[in-house]
Every structure is written in structure tokens, then in C-alpha cells.
Amino acid sequence: MSKIITFAFNTKYKEQIQETFSFEQLGINEQLPSDEMKKQIDQLFENWVCDRLNLSYSIVIEEEDL
């Protein structure tokens, strides 16, 4: 039996948005170490939320020249 995961979020503009997926649908290997699995799930959740809210963003990391 495959594991399932439910993504959900609330905003002040919309009631709860929720969707359930199997690990197989998301392409997650159930045998991964838990830290790697968490990284993948976090990234998939972030993409899912941005898609539902039609968001785009960027993160810029700069190094100072010494």
C-alpha cells in the first residue's frame, strides 16, 4: 500500500485549499532517508502553494568579496 500525503493551506482571502497525493503521484521514493524525503516534500509543497496562489518569487544570496 502506497503512502499518501495531504497538502493544505489557509489564507485570509480563501478558505482552506487542500489536495491529497500518493507518494507515487509525486515521484517520491518511499525508501529515501527521512531527511531527504522531507527536503523533497518541502520543495513539492512550496511549488504546489505557489501554483495555487499564482505566486512567483526569488531568493538572492550574495557573497561579500573580502
N, C-alpha and C. Protein backbone atom coordinates (compact mmCIF):
# COMPACT_ATOMS: atom_id res chain seq x y z
N MET A 1 0.85 -1.18 0.00
CA MET A 1 0.00 0.00 0.00
C MET A 1 0.89 1.24 0.00
N SER A 2 0.58 2.17 -0.86
CA SER A 2 1.37 3.38 -1.00
C SER A 2 1.00 4.42 0.05
N LYS A 3 2.00 5.17 0.49
CA LYS A 3 1.75 6.27 1.42
C LYS A 3 1.07 7.41 0.68
N ILE A 4 0.28 8.19 1.43
CA ILE A 4 -0.33 9.39 0.85
C ILE A 4 0.10 10.60 1.67
N ILE A 5 -0.01 11.74 1.06
CA ILE A 5 0.34 12.99 1.72
C ILE A 5 -0.71 14.03 1.32
N THR A 6 -1.11 14.86 2.27
CA THR A 6 -2.09 15.91 2.00
C THR A 6 -1.42 17.25 2.19
N PHE A 7 -1.49 18.09 1.17
CA PHE A 7 -1.03 19.46 1.24
C PHE A 7 -2.23 20.34 1.53
N ALA A 8 -2.10 21.31 2.41
CA ALA A 8 -3.19 22.23 2.72
C ALA A 8 -2.63 23.55 3.20
N PHE A 9 -3.36 24.63 2.92
CA PHE A 9 -3.00 25.93 3.47
C PHE A 9 -4.25 26.79 3.55
N ASN A 10 -4.17 27.83 4.37
CA ASN A 10 -5.24 28.80 4.53
C ASN A 10 -4.67 30.19 4.27
N THR A 11 -5.50 31.07 3.78
CA THR A 11 -5.14 32.48 3.67
C THR A 11 -6.31 33.29 4.17
N LYS A 12 -6.09 34.57 4.37
CA LYS A 12 -7.21 35.41 4.79
C LYS A 12 -8.15 35.69 3.62
N TYR A 13 -7.74 35.35 2.41
CA TYR A 13 -8.54 35.60 1.22
C TYR A 13 -9.36 34.40 0.76
N LYS A 14 -8.93 33.21 1.11
CA LYS A 14 -9.60 31.98 0.67
C LYS A 14 -9.70 31.03 1.83
N GLU A 15 -10.74 30.22 1.81
CA GLU A 15 -10.82 29.15 2.80
C GLU A 15 -9.76 28.11 2.47
N GLN A 16 -9.66 27.10 3.30
CA GLN A 16 -8.61 26.11 3.14
C GLN A 16 -8.59 25.50 1.74
N ILE A 17 -7.40 25.40 1.21
CA ILE A 17 -7.16 24.71 -0.05
C ILE A 17 -6.39 23.46 0.31
N GLN A 18 -6.87 22.33 -0.20
CA GLN A 18 -6.30 21.05 0.20
C GLN A 18 -6.32 20.08 -0.97
N GLU A 19 -5.29 19.26 -1.06
CA GLU A 19 -5.21 18.25 -2.11
C GLU A 19 -4.37 17.08 -1.59
N THR A 20 -4.80 15.87 -1.90
CA THR A 20 -4.11 14.67 -1.43
C THR A 20 -3.48 13.93 -2.61
N PHE A 21 -2.26 13.47 -2.40
CA PHE A 21 -1.50 12.77 -3.43
C PHE A 21 -0.91 11.50 -2.84
N SER A 22 -0.64 10.53 -3.69
CA SER A 22 0.17 9.39 -3.26
C SER A 22 1.63 9.76 -3.48
N PHE A 23 2.51 9.10 -2.76
CA PHE A 23 3.94 9.34 -2.97
C PHE A 23 4.29 9.02 -4.42
N GLU A 24 3.65 8.00 -4.96
CA GLU A 24 3.91 7.61 -6.35
C GLU A 24 3.56 8.75 -7.31
N GLN A 25 2.40 9.40 -7.10
CA GLN A 25 2.00 10.51 -7.95
C GLN A 25 3.02 11.65 -7.91
N LEU A 26 3.61 11.86 -6.75
CA LEU A 26 4.58 12.94 -6.59
C LEU A 26 5.99 12.53 -6.99
N GLY A 27 6.18 11.25 -7.26
CA GLY A 27 7.50 10.76 -7.65
C GLY A 27 8.47 10.67 -6.49
N ILE A 28 7.93 10.45 -5.28
CA ILE A 28 8.77 10.34 -4.09
C ILE A 28 9.05 8.87 -3.80
N ASN A 29 10.30 8.54 -3.65
CA ASN A 29 10.71 7.18 -3.29
C ASN A 29 10.49 7.00 -1.80
N GLU A 30 9.62 6.09 -1.42
CA GLU A 30 9.31 5.86 -0.01
C GLU A 30 10.48 5.30 0.78
N GLN A 31 11.52 4.85 0.10
CA GLN A 31 12.67 4.25 0.76
C GLN A 31 13.78 5.27 1.06
N LEU A 32 13.58 6.53 0.69
CA LEU A 32 14.59 7.55 0.95
C LEU A 32 14.77 7.77 2.44
N PRO A 33 15.97 8.20 2.84
CA PRO A 33 16.15 8.60 4.24
C PRO A 33 15.19 9.75 4.58
N SER A 34 14.74 9.82 5.80
CA SER A 34 13.72 10.79 6.17
C SER A 34 14.11 12.23 5.90
N ASP A 35 15.38 12.59 6.07
CA ASP A 35 15.78 13.98 5.82
C ASP A 35 15.70 14.33 4.34
N GLU A 36 16.07 13.39 3.47
CA GLU A 36 15.97 13.62 2.03
C GLU A 36 14.50 13.67 1.59
N MET A 37 13.69 12.79 2.16
CA MET A 37 12.26 12.78 1.84
C MET A 37 11.63 14.11 2.25
N LYS A 38 11.99 14.62 3.43
CA LYS A 38 11.45 15.90 3.91
C LYS A 38 11.82 17.03 2.97
N LYS A 39 13.07 17.05 2.48
CA LYS A 39 13.51 18.08 1.53
C LYS A 39 12.64 18.04 0.27
N GLN A 40 12.42 16.84 -0.25
CA GLN A 40 11.61 16.71 -1.47
C GLN A 40 10.18 17.16 -1.22
N ILE A 41 9.61 16.74 -0.10
CA ILE A 41 8.23 17.11 0.21
C ILE A 41 8.11 18.62 0.41
N ASP A 42 9.06 19.22 1.11
CA ASP A 42 9.04 20.68 1.30
C ASP A 42 9.07 21.41 -0.03
N GLN A 43 9.92 20.97 -0.95
CA GLN A 43 10.01 21.61 -2.26
C GLN A 43 8.71 21.42 -3.05
N LEU A 44 8.16 20.23 -3.03
CA LEU A 44 6.90 19.97 -3.73
C LEU A 44 5.77 20.81 -3.15
N PHE A 45 5.72 20.93 -1.81
CA PHE A 45 4.69 21.74 -1.17
C PHE A 45 4.82 23.21 -1.57
N GLU A 46 6.05 23.70 -1.53
CA GLU A 46 6.29 25.10 -1.91
C GLU A 46 5.82 25.36 -3.34
N ASN A 47 6.15 24.47 -4.26
CA ASN A 47 5.72 24.61 -5.65
C ASN A 47 4.19 24.52 -5.76
N TRP A 48 3.58 23.63 -5.00
CA TRP A 48 2.13 23.46 -5.04
C TRP A 48 1.43 24.72 -4.55
N VAL A 49 1.89 25.30 -3.45
CA VAL A 49 1.29 26.53 -2.91
C VAL A 49 1.44 27.66 -3.92
N CYS A 50 2.63 27.84 -4.46
CA CYS A 50 2.86 28.92 -5.41
C CYS A 50 1.98 28.77 -6.64
N ASP A 51 1.78 27.55 -7.09
CA ASP A 51 0.92 27.30 -8.24
C ASP A 51 -0.53 27.66 -7.92
N ARG A 52 -1.01 27.27 -6.76
CA ARG A 52 -2.41 27.54 -6.38
C ARG A 52 -2.68 29.03 -6.19
N LEU A 53 -1.70 29.75 -5.68
CA LEU A 53 -1.86 31.18 -5.43
C LEU A 53 -1.32 32.05 -6.57
N ASN A 54 -0.79 31.39 -7.60
CA ASN A 54 -0.21 32.08 -8.74
C ASN A 54 0.89 33.04 -8.28
N LEU A 55 1.79 32.55 -7.45
CA LEU A 55 2.90 33.35 -6.92
C LEU A 55 4.18 33.04 -7.67
N SER A 56 5.02 34.03 -7.72
CA SER A 56 6.39 33.79 -8.14
C SER A 56 7.28 34.58 -7.19
N TYR A 57 8.47 34.10 -6.98
CA TYR A 57 9.38 34.77 -6.08
C TYR A 57 10.80 34.39 -6.42
N SER A 58 11.72 35.10 -5.84
CA SER A 58 13.12 34.73 -5.99
C SER A 58 13.84 34.93 -4.68
N ILE A 59 14.91 34.21 -4.52
CA ILE A 59 15.78 34.34 -3.36
C ILE A 59 17.18 34.60 -3.91
N VAL A 60 17.78 35.67 -3.45
CA VAL A 60 19.10 36.02 -3.93
C VAL A 60 20.08 35.90 -2.76
N ILE A 61 21.12 35.14 -2.94
CA ILE A 61 22.16 35.00 -1.93
C ILE A 61 23.45 35.53 -2.55
N GLU A 62 24.03 36.50 -1.89
CA GLU A 62 25.25 37.10 -2.39
C GLU A 62 26.38 36.88 -1.41
N GLU A 63 27.56 36.70 -1.93
CA GLU A 63 28.75 36.61 -1.08
C GLU A 63 29.49 37.93 -1.16
N GLU A 64 29.99 38.35 -0.02
CA GLU A 64 30.78 39.56 0.00
C GLU A 64 32.19 39.23 -0.43
N ASP A 65 32.76 40.07 -1.25
CA ASP A 65 34.17 39.93 -1.61
C ASP A 65 35.00 40.46 -0.47
N LEU A 66 35.93 39.67 -0.01
CA LEU A 66 36.80 40.12 1.09
C LEU A 66 38.13 40.59 0.58
